[in-house]
Amino acid sequence: MLLRNIHRGFGGELLALITGGAFMEPTSMQFFYDLGLPVVNGYGLTEAGTVLTVNDLKPFRADTVGKPLPGVELRILNPDAEGIGEVAARSKTVMSHYLDDPELTLETIVDGWLLTGDLGRFDGHGHLQLFGRKKNMIVTEGGKNIYPEDIETVFDGLPVKEYTVFAGNYIWPKKELGKESLILILRLEQNQRFDNVLQEDIAARNSKLSDFKRVNGYLVWEKDFPRTASMKIKRQVLAEEIGKAVERSAVKQL
């Protein structure tokens, strides 16, 4: 009754919204759910033709992409101590092969299972939680696994145009082994300055992370991040651009 005008603005009979193409932040979904407008994530790949999971709202979980659809089998390959591993899918909708690329097909389709390249685990309700791309995973000197996308969630709502997290050694490769450092790359709004208020905001969010997940420094980047057609950051392209243009010593410590 309190939010009747909002529901009327959506047509009055809207039951739910399902997002796809990119993972929607849990805080945004929780906001709409609290308004009585369930917004849930779905998950799939073009190679799977396309949807694999959808949140069925039983129960509502803002931090998951839901349960496998009927006819879809999912497995977690080589799970770590926290149950996180690569998501593999099998279904009649999964493609048979890549056109004219047998080598990539052999890497991607193994014994009938599609290796998605995404890292995930199942929660206690059978919902799939995603933690980023396998190729983006960072392994610390102490053997801890860090997922940049997981850390970026803590900075959700940061008052800048865009941001992302990289391992310092990914941008500036080092030949020797050493302590890995995480770098927060910031793209500020036009005419925005990196002031004490913004620095304190970053520090406060950073303190909520476990010690081995904390960002060690930040770098203000002067260009918009390169993105795919679905608006995902082209992480490798961005890392190469930063690596060529900026010395590691330019990173400011937090």
C-alpha atoms as a PDB file:
ATOM      1  CA  MET A   1       0.000   0.000   0.000  1.00  0.00           C
ATOM      2  CA  LEU A   2       2.842   2.391   0.810  1.00  0.00           C
ATOM      3  CA  LEU A   3       4.506   1.790  -2.563  1.00  0.00           C
ATOM      4  CA  ARG A   4       1.378   1.646  -4.742  1.00  0.00           C
ATOM      5  CA  ASN A   5       2.489   4.517  -6.996  1.00  0.00           C
ATOM      6  CA  ILE A   6       5.792   2.794  -7.732  1.00  0.00           C
ATOM      7  CA  HIS A   7       4.030  -0.441  -8.706  1.00  0.00           C
ATOM      8  CA  ARG A   8       1.555   1.507 -10.816  1.00  0.00           C
ATOM      9  CA  GLY A   9       4.480   3.112 -12.628  1.00  0.00           C
ATOM     10  CA  PHE A  10       5.629  -0.372 -13.670  1.00  0.00           C
ATOM     11  CA  GLY A  11       2.185  -1.237 -15.042  1.00  0.00           C
ATOM     12  CA  GLY A  12       0.620  -2.487 -11.837  1.00  0.00           C
ATOM     13  CA  GLU A  13       0.926  -6.201 -12.559  1.00  0.00           C
ATOM     14  CA  LEU A  14       4.679  -6.722 -12.839  1.00  0.00           C
ATOM     15  CA  LEU A  15       5.657 -10.013 -11.188  1.00  0.00           C
ATOM     16  CA  ALA A  16       9.447 -10.057 -11.596  1.00  0.00           C
ATOM     17  CA  LEU A  17      12.391  -8.886 -13.693  1.00  0.00           C
ATOM     18  CA  ILE A  18      15.148 -11.255 -14.803  1.00  0.00           C
ATOM     19  CA  THR A  19      18.554  -9.885 -15.767  1.00  0.00           C
ATOM     20  CA  GLY A  20      21.171 -11.485 -17.996  1.00  0.00           C
ATOM     21  CA  GLY A  21      24.330 -10.662 -19.889  1.00  0.00           C
ATOM     22  CA  ALA A  22      26.119  -9.411 -16.775  1.00  0.00           C
ATOM     23  CA  PHE A  23      25.825 -10.028 -13.042  1.00  0.00           C
ATOM     24  CA  MET A  24      23.650  -7.424 -11.335  1.00  0.00           C
ATOM     25  CA  GLU A  25      24.908  -6.158  -8.005  1.00  0.00           C
ATOM     26  CA  PRO A  26      23.138  -7.766  -4.998  1.00  0.00           C
ATOM     27  CA  THR A  27      22.503  -4.363  -3.403  1.00  0.00           C
ATOM     28  CA  SER A  28      20.529  -3.229  -6.471  1.00  0.00           C
ATOM     29  CA  MET A  29      18.426  -6.403  -6.497  1.00  0.00           C
ATOM     30  CA  GLN A  30      17.772  -6.141  -2.759  1.00  0.00           C
ATOM     31  CA  PHE A  31      16.616  -2.538  -3.234  1.00  0.00           C
ATOM     32  CA  PHE A  32      13.983  -3.522  -5.793  1.00  0.00           C
ATOM     33  CA  TYR A  33      12.955  -6.587  -3.784  1.00  0.00           C
ATOM     34  CA  ASP A  34      12.318  -4.369  -0.759  1.00  0.00           C
ATOM     35  CA  LEU A  35      10.008  -2.303  -2.991  1.00  0.00           C
ATOM     36  CA  GLY A  36       8.057  -5.476  -3.791  1.00  0.00           C
ATOM     37  CA  LEU A  37       9.575  -5.797  -7.284  1.00  0.00           C
ATOM     38  CA  PRO A  38      11.689  -8.965  -7.441  1.00  0.00           C
ATOM     39  CA  VAL A  39      14.717  -8.597  -9.713  1.00  0.00           C
ATOM     40  CA  VAL A  40      16.798 -11.728 -10.129  1.00  0.00           C
ATOM     41  CA  ASN A  41      19.903 -12.830 -11.994  1.00  0.00           C
ATOM     42  CA  GLY A  42      19.930 -15.505 -14.642  1.00  0.00           C
ATOM     43  CA  TYR A  43      23.104 -17.167 -15.891  1.00  0.00           C
ATOM     44  CA  GLY A  44      24.088 -18.689 -19.192  1.00  0.00           C
ATOM     45  CA  LEU A  45      26.444 -18.681 -22.148  1.00  0.00           C
ATOM     46  CA  THR A  46      26.067 -18.463 -25.893  1.00  0.00           C
ATOM     47  CA  GLU A  47      27.691 -21.912 -26.065  1.00  0.00           C
ATOM     48  CA  ALA A  48      24.913 -23.268 -23.822  1.00  0.00           C
ATOM     49  CA  GLY A  49      22.150 -21.835 -25.980  1.00  0.00           C
ATOM     50  CA  THR A  50      21.869 -19.880 -23.632  1.00  0.00           C
ATOM     51  CA  VAL A  51      20.275 -19.924 -20.159  1.00  0.00           C
ATOM     52  CA  LEU A  52      21.496 -22.403 -17.527  1.00  0.00           C
ATOM     53  CA  THR A  53      20.100 -21.063 -14.242  1.00  0.00           C
ATOM     54  CA  VAL A  54      17.425 -18.660 -13.050  1.00  0.00           C
ATOM     55  CA  ASN A  55      16.578 -17.614  -9.514  1.00  0.00           C
ATOM     56  CA  ASP A  56      13.155 -19.087  -8.617  1.00  0.00           C
ATOM     57  CA  LEU A  57      12.653 -16.838  -5.565  1.00  0.00           C
ATOM     58  CA  LYS A  58      12.382 -19.924  -3.337  1.00  0.00           C
ATOM     59  CA  PRO A  59      13.985 -18.316  -1.425  1.00  0.00           C
ATOM     60  CA  PHE A  60      15.024 -14.940  -2.813  1.00  0.00           C
ATOM     61  CA  ARG A  61      18.815 -14.737  -2.847  1.00  0.00           C
ATOM     62  CA  ALA A  62      20.398 -11.531  -4.146  1.00  0.00           C
ATOM     63  CA  ASP A  63      23.883 -13.077  -4.197  1.00  0.00           C
ATOM     64  CA  THR A  64      23.096 -16.025  -6.505  1.00  0.00           C
ATOM     65  CA  VAL A  65      22.104 -16.717 -10.102  1.00  0.00           C
ATOM     66  CA  GLY A  66      19.547 -19.303  -9.040  1.00  0.00           C
ATOM     67  CA  LYS A  67      19.047 -23.012  -9.680  1.00  0.00           C
ATOM     68  CA  PRO A  68      19.696 -25.041 -12.856  1.00  0.00           C
ATOM     69  CA  LEU A  69      16.775 -25.150 -15.275  1.00  0.00           C
ATOM     70  CA  PRO A  70      15.076 -28.511 -15.963  1.00  0.00           C
ATOM     71  CA  GLY A  71      17.327 -30.617 -18.168  1.00  0.00           C
ATOM     72  CA  VAL A  72      20.469 -28.730 -17.159  1.00  0.00           C
ATOM     73  CA  GLU A  73      23.222 -30.441 -15.148  1.00  0.00           C
ATOM     74  CA  LEU A  74      25.900 -28.382 -13.415  1.00  0.00           C
ATOM     75  CA  ARG A  75      29.094 -29.517 -11.693  1.00  0.00           C
ATOM     76  CA  ILE A  76      31.843 -27.696  -9.812  1.00  0.00           C
ATOM     77  CA  LEU A  77      35.234 -28.914 -10.991  1.00  0.00           C
ATOM     78  CA  ASN A  78      38.226 -29.125  -8.640  1.00  0.00           C
ATOM     79  CA  PRO A  79      36.588 -27.171  -5.783  1.00  0.00           C
ATOM     80  CA  ASP A  80      38.899 -25.509  -3.280  1.00  0.00           C
ATOM     81  CA  ALA A  81      38.502 -25.463   0.508  1.00  0.00           C
ATOM     82  CA  GLU A  82      35.578 -23.029   0.165  1.00  0.00           C
ATOM     83  CA  GLY A  83      33.843 -25.166  -2.462  1.00  0.00           C
ATOM     84  CA  ILE A  84      34.708 -22.817  -5.310  1.00  0.00           C
ATOM     85  CA  GLY A  85      35.741 -24.279  -8.650  1.00  0.00           C
ATOM     86  CA  GLU A  86      35.056 -24.046 -12.364  1.00  0.00           C
ATOM     87  CA  VAL A  87      31.411 -24.414 -13.401  1.00  0.00           C
ATOM     88  CA  ALA A  88      30.772 -27.170 -15.959  1.00  0.00           C
ATOM     89  CA  ALA A  89      27.426 -27.644 -17.708  1.00  0.00           C
ATOM     90  CA  ARG A  90      25.755 -30.477 -19.596  1.00  0.00           C
ATOM     91  CA  SER A  91      22.456 -30.165 -21.451  1.00  0.00           C
ATOM     92  CA  LYS A  92      20.816 -30.820 -24.815  1.00  0.00           C
ATOM     93  CA  THR A  93      21.118 -27.096 -25.429  1.00  0.00           C
ATOM     94  CA  VAL A  94      24.933 -27.113 -25.169  1.00  0.00           C
ATOM     95  CA  MET A  95      26.631 -26.683 -28.548  1.00  0.00           C
ATOM     96  CA  SER A  96      28.416 -29.613 -30.188  1.00  0.00           C
ATOM     97  CA  HIS A  97      31.519 -27.658 -31.309  1.00  0.00           C
ATOM     98  CA  TYR A  98      32.985 -24.352 -32.413  1.00  0.00           C
ATOM     99  CA  LEU A  99      32.840 -23.861 -36.171  1.00  0.00           C
ATOM    100  CA  ASP A 100      36.209 -24.593 -37.820  1.00  0.00           C
ATOM    101  CA  ASP A 101      38.066 -24.554 -34.480  1.00  0.00           C
ATOM    102  CA  PRO A 102      38.675 -28.136 -33.296  1.00  0.00           C
ATOM    103  CA  GLU A 103      41.432 -27.122 -30.851  1.00  0.00           C
ATOM    104  CA  LEU A 104      39.203 -24.691 -28.954  1.00  0.00           C
ATOM    105  CA  THR A 105      36.409 -27.264 -29.020  1.00  0.00           C
ATOM    106  CA  LEU A 106      38.659 -29.852 -27.333  1.00  0.00           C
ATOM    107  CA  GLU A 107      39.558 -27.318 -24.637  1.00  0.00           C
ATOM    108  CA  THR A 108      35.948 -26.300 -24.013  1.00  0.00           C
ATOM    109  CA  ILE A 109      33.875 -29.487 -24.422  1.00  0.00           C
ATOM    110  CA  VAL A 110      35.274 -32.338 -22.309  1.00  0.00           C
ATOM    111  CA  ASP A 111      33.371 -35.658 -22.139  1.00  0.00           C
ATOM    112  CA  GLY A 112      30.190 -33.825 -23.073  1.00  0.00           C
ATOM    113  CA  TRP A 113      30.613 -31.139 -20.398  1.00  0.00           C
ATOM    114  CA  LEU A 114      30.951 -27.464 -21.298  1.00  0.00           C
ATOM    115  CA  LEU A 115      33.755 -25.841 -19.296  1.00  0.00           C
ATOM    116  CA  THR A 116      32.400 -22.356 -18.755  1.00  0.00           C
ATOM    117  CA  GLY A 117      35.524 -20.662 -17.432  1.00  0.00           C
ATOM    118  CA  ASP A 118      33.386 -19.217 -14.626  1.00  0.00           C
ATOM    119  CA  LEU A 119      34.115 -19.887 -10.965  1.00  0.00           C
ATOM    120  CA  GLY A 120      31.241 -20.795  -8.684  1.00  0.00           C
ATOM    121  CA  ARG A 121      29.840 -22.944  -5.891  1.00  0.00           C
ATOM    122  CA  PHE A 122      26.445 -24.163  -4.709  1.00  0.00           C
ATOM    123  CA  ASP A 123      24.923 -22.803  -1.523  1.00  0.00           C
ATOM    124  CA  GLY A 124      22.783 -24.728   0.944  1.00  0.00           C
ATOM    125  CA  HIS A 125      19.636 -24.159  -1.138  1.00  0.00           C
ATOM    126  CA  GLY A 126      21.074 -25.476  -4.412  1.00  0.00           C
ATOM    127  CA  HIS A 127      21.590 -21.972  -5.797  1.00  0.00           C
ATOM    128  CA  LEU A 128      24.687 -21.240  -7.857  1.00  0.00           C
ATOM    129  CA  GLN A 129      26.940 -18.435  -6.642  1.00  0.00           C
ATOM    130  CA  LEU A 130      29.458 -16.944  -9.083  1.00  0.00           C
ATOM    131  CA  PHE A 131      32.860 -15.538  -8.126  1.00  0.00           C
ATOM    132  CA  GLY A 132      34.291 -14.344 -11.422  1.00  0.00           C
ATOM    133  CA  ARG A 133      36.261 -15.767 -14.304  1.00  0.00           C
ATOM    134  CA  LYS A 134      38.801 -18.551 -13.829  1.00  0.00           C
ATOM    135  CA  LYS A 135      41.396 -16.642 -15.825  1.00  0.00           C
ATOM    136  CA  ASN A 136      40.974 -13.624 -13.511  1.00  0.00           C
ATOM    137  CA  MET A 137      41.610 -15.575 -10.297  1.00  0.00           C
ATOM    138  CA  ILE A 138      44.642 -14.444  -8.292  1.00  0.00           C
ATOM    139  CA  VAL A 139      46.613 -16.892  -6.179  1.00  0.00           C
ATOM    140  CA  THR A 140      48.574 -15.267  -3.356  1.00  0.00           C
ATOM    141  CA  GLU A 141      51.997 -16.335  -2.150  1.00  0.00           C
ATOM    142  CA  GLY A 142      50.266 -18.064   0.782  1.00  0.00           C
ATOM    143  CA  GLY A 143      48.048 -20.098  -1.558  1.00  0.00           C
ATOM    144  CA  LYS A 144      44.878 -18.050  -1.039  1.00  0.00           C
ATOM    145  CA  ASN A 145      42.498 -17.599  -3.996  1.00  0.00           C
ATOM    146  CA  ILE A 146      41.280 -14.068  -4.659  1.00  0.00           C
ATOM    147  CA  TYR A 147      38.543 -13.144  -7.115  1.00  0.00           C
ATOM    148  CA  PRO A 148      38.691  -9.498  -8.295  1.00  0.00           C
ATOM    149  CA  GLU A 149      34.941  -9.413  -8.932  1.00  0.00           C
ATOM    150  CA  ASP A 150      34.319 -10.483  -5.330  1.00  0.00           C
ATOM    151  CA  ILE A 151      36.445  -7.616  -4.003  1.00  0.00           C
ATOM    152  CA  GLU A 152      34.846  -5.109  -6.382  1.00  0.00           C
ATOM    153  CA  THR A 153      31.446  -5.805  -4.803  1.00  0.00           C
ATOM    154  CA  VAL A 154      32.669  -4.183  -1.572  1.00  0.00           C
ATOM    155  CA  PHE A 155      33.252  -0.937  -3.495  1.00  0.00           C
ATOM    156  CA  ASP A 156      29.755  -0.975  -5.019  1.00  0.00           C
ATOM    157  CA  GLY A 157      28.355   2.571  -4.933  1.00  0.00           C
ATOM    158  CA  LEU A 158      31.775   4.247  -4.782  1.00  0.00           C
ATOM    159  CA  PRO A 159      31.179   7.811  -6.091  1.00  0.00           C
ATOM    160  CA  VAL A 160      33.354   7.548  -9.214  1.00  0.00           C
ATOM    161  CA  LYS A 161      32.565   6.903 -12.871  1.00  0.00           C
ATOM    162  CA  GLU A 162      33.970   3.358 -12.846  1.00  0.00           C
ATOM    163  CA  TYR A 163      36.528   1.200 -11.098  1.00  0.00           C
ATOM    164  CA  THR A 164      38.084  -2.251 -11.156  1.00  0.00           C
ATOM    165  CA  VAL A 165      40.648  -4.299  -9.238  1.00  0.00           C
ATOM    166  CA  PHE A 166      43.826  -5.876 -10.622  1.00  0.00           C
ATOM    167  CA  ALA A 167      46.765  -7.764  -9.234  1.00  0.00           C
ATOM    168  CA  GLY A 168      49.781  -5.508  -9.530  1.00  0.00           C
ATOM    169  CA  ASN A 169      51.823  -8.287 -11.117  1.00  0.00           C
ATOM    170  CA  TYR A 170      49.165  -8.736 -13.800  1.00  0.00           C
ATOM    171  CA  ILE A 171      49.668  -5.161 -14.993  1.00  0.00           C
ATOM    172  CA  TRP A 172      53.406  -5.010 -14.373  1.00  0.00           C
ATOM    173  CA  PRO A 173      54.680  -8.627 -14.635  1.00  0.00           C
ATOM    174  CA  LYS A 174      57.520  -9.597 -12.310  1.00  0.00           C
ATOM    175  CA  LYS A 175      59.862 -12.493 -12.999  1.00  0.00           C
ATOM    176  CA  GLU A 176      60.419 -13.249  -9.346  1.00  0.00           C
ATOM    177  CA  LEU A 177      57.869 -14.517  -6.839  1.00  0.00           C
ATOM    178  CA  GLY A 178      56.827 -12.127  -4.118  1.00  0.00           C
ATOM    179  CA  LYS A 179      53.947 -10.717  -2.163  1.00  0.00           C
ATOM    180  CA  GLU A 180      51.025 -10.010  -4.445  1.00  0.00           C
ATOM    181  CA  SER A 181      49.502  -6.545  -4.217  1.00  0.00           C
ATOM    182  CA  LEU A 182      46.013  -5.556  -5.312  1.00  0.00           C
ATOM    183  CA  ILE A 183      45.467  -2.263  -7.100  1.00  0.00           C
ATOM    184  CA  LEU A 184      42.198  -0.324  -7.319  1.00  0.00           C
ATOM    185  CA  ILE A 185      41.955   1.383 -10.719  1.00  0.00           C
ATOM    186  CA  LEU A 186      39.699   4.442 -10.639  1.00  0.00           C
ATOM    187  CA  ARG A 187      38.123   6.431 -13.460  1.00  0.00           C
ATOM    188  CA  LEU A 188      36.795   9.672 -11.965  1.00  0.00           C
ATOM    189  CA  GLU A 189      33.845  11.694 -13.190  1.00  0.00           C
ATOM    190  CA  GLN A 190      34.577  14.730 -15.340  1.00  0.00           C
ATOM    191  CA  ASN A 191      36.125  17.502 -13.199  1.00  0.00           C
ATOM    192  CA  GLN A 192      36.128  15.216 -10.153  1.00  0.00           C
ATOM    193  CA  ARG A 193      39.201  15.268  -7.920  1.00  0.00           C
ATOM    194  CA  PHE A 194      40.587  12.518  -5.733  1.00  0.00           C
ATOM    195  CA  ASP A 195      40.128  14.181  -2.344  1.00  0.00           C
ATOM    196  CA  ASN A 196      40.320  13.129   1.302  1.00  0.00           C
ATOM    197  CA  VAL A 197      36.613  12.250   1.412  1.00  0.00           C
ATOM    198  CA  LEU A 198      36.981   9.754  -1.432  1.00  0.00           C
ATOM    199  CA  GLN A 199      40.169   8.321   0.058  1.00  0.00           C
ATOM    200  CA  GLU A 200      38.479   7.829   3.436  1.00  0.00           C
ATOM    201  CA  ASP A 201      35.506   6.151   1.743  1.00  0.00           C
ATOM    202  CA  ILE A 202      37.838   3.706  -0.034  1.00  0.00           C
ATOM    203  CA  ALA A 203      39.764   3.025   3.176  1.00  0.00           C
ATOM    204  CA  ALA A 204      36.571   2.337   5.133  1.00  0.00           C
ATOM    205  CA  ARG A 205      35.325  -0.147   2.542  1.00  0.00           C
ATOM    206  CA  ASN A 206      38.751  -1.724   2.264  1.00  0.00           C
ATOM    207  CA  SER A 207      38.863  -2.365   6.010  1.00  0.00           C
ATOM    208  CA  LYS A 208      35.818  -4.645   5.707  1.00  0.00           C
ATOM    209  CA  LEU A 209      37.824  -7.118   3.629  1.00  0.00           C
ATOM    210  CA  SER A 210      39.992  -9.927   4.985  1.00  0.00           C
ATOM    211  CA  ASP A 211      43.662  -8.975   5.225  1.00  0.00           C
ATOM    212  CA  PHE A 212      44.710 -10.996   2.174  1.00  0.00           C
ATOM    213  CA  LYS A 213      41.898  -9.469   0.073  1.00  0.00           C
ATOM    214  CA  ARG A 214      42.595  -5.832   0.871  1.00  0.00           C
ATOM    215  CA  VAL A 215      43.596  -3.373  -1.816  1.00  0.00           C
ATOM    216  CA  ASN A 216      47.129  -2.087  -1.262  1.00  0.00           C
ATOM    217  CA  GLY A 217      47.052   0.944  -3.522  1.00  0.00           C
ATOM    218  CA  TYR A 218      45.100   2.936  -6.085  1.00  0.00           C
ATOM    219  CA  LEU A 219      45.690   4.454  -9.494  1.00  0.00           C
ATOM    220  CA  VAL A 220      43.583   7.152 -11.161  1.00  0.00           C
ATOM    221  CA  TRP A 221      43.202   6.332 -14.873  1.00  0.00           C
ATOM    222  CA  GLU A 222      42.377   9.185 -17.241  1.00  0.00           C
ATOM    223  CA  LYS A 223      40.481   7.206 -19.910  1.00  0.00           C
ATOM    224  CA  ASP A 224      37.178   5.339 -20.021  1.00  0.00           C
ATOM    225  CA  PHE A 225      37.612   1.598 -19.536  1.00  0.00           C
ATOM    226  CA  PRO A 226      37.438  -0.452 -22.765  1.00  0.00           C
ATOM    227  CA  ARG A 227      34.299  -2.589 -22.751  1.00  0.00           C
ATOM    228  CA  THR A 228      32.642  -5.325 -24.753  1.00  0.00           C
ATOM    229  CA  ALA A 229      29.259  -4.937 -26.477  1.00  0.00           C
ATOM    230  CA  SER A 230      27.644  -6.269 -23.270  1.00  0.00           C
ATOM    231  CA  MET A 231      29.506  -3.592 -21.250  1.00  0.00           C
ATOM    232  CA  LYS A 232      31.922  -5.969 -19.538  1.00  0.00           C
ATOM    233  CA  ILE A 233      35.381  -4.510 -18.929  1.00  0.00           C
ATOM    234  CA  LYS A 234      38.035  -5.805 -21.309  1.00  0.00           C
ATOM    235  CA  ARG A 235      40.365  -6.560 -18.436  1.00  0.00           C
ATOM    236  CA  GLN A 236      43.359  -7.733 -20.471  1.00  0.00           C
ATOM    237  CA  VAL A 237      43.162  -4.750 -22.831  1.00  0.00           C
ATOM    238  CA  LEU A 238      42.887  -2.317 -19.917  1.00  0.00           C
ATOM    239  CA  ALA A 239      45.790  -3.941 -18.069  1.00  0.00           C
ATOM    240  CA  GLU A 240      47.998  -3.714 -21.163  1.00  0.00           C
ATOM    241  CA  GLU A 241      47.104  -0.049 -21.694  1.00  0.00           C
ATOM    242  CA  ILE A 242      47.904   0.831 -18.081  1.00  0.00           C
ATOM    243  CA  GLY A 243      51.105  -1.221 -18.089  1.00  0.00           C
ATOM    244  CA  LYS A 244      52.426   0.579 -21.162  1.00  0.00           C
ATOM    245  CA  ALA A 245      51.466   4.066 -19.998  1.00  0.00           C
ATOM    246  CA  VAL A 246      52.151   4.052 -16.266  1.00  0.00           C
ATOM    247  CA  GLU A 247      55.077   2.949 -14.092  1.00  0.00           C
ATOM    248  CA  ARG A 248      54.327   0.752 -11.099  1.00  0.00           C
ATOM    249  CA  SER A 249      55.799   3.455  -8.845  1.00  0.00           C
ATOM    250  CA  ALA A 250      52.885   5.735  -9.813  1.00  0.00           C
ATOM    251  CA  VAL A 251      50.517   3.679  -7.669  1.00  0.00           C
ATOM    252  CA  LYS A 252      49.517   5.538  -4.499  1.00  0.00           C
ATOM    253  CA  GLN A 253      49.457   3.523  -1.309  1.00  0.00           C
ATOM    254  CA  LEU A 254      46.316   3.244   0.802  1.00  0.00           C
END
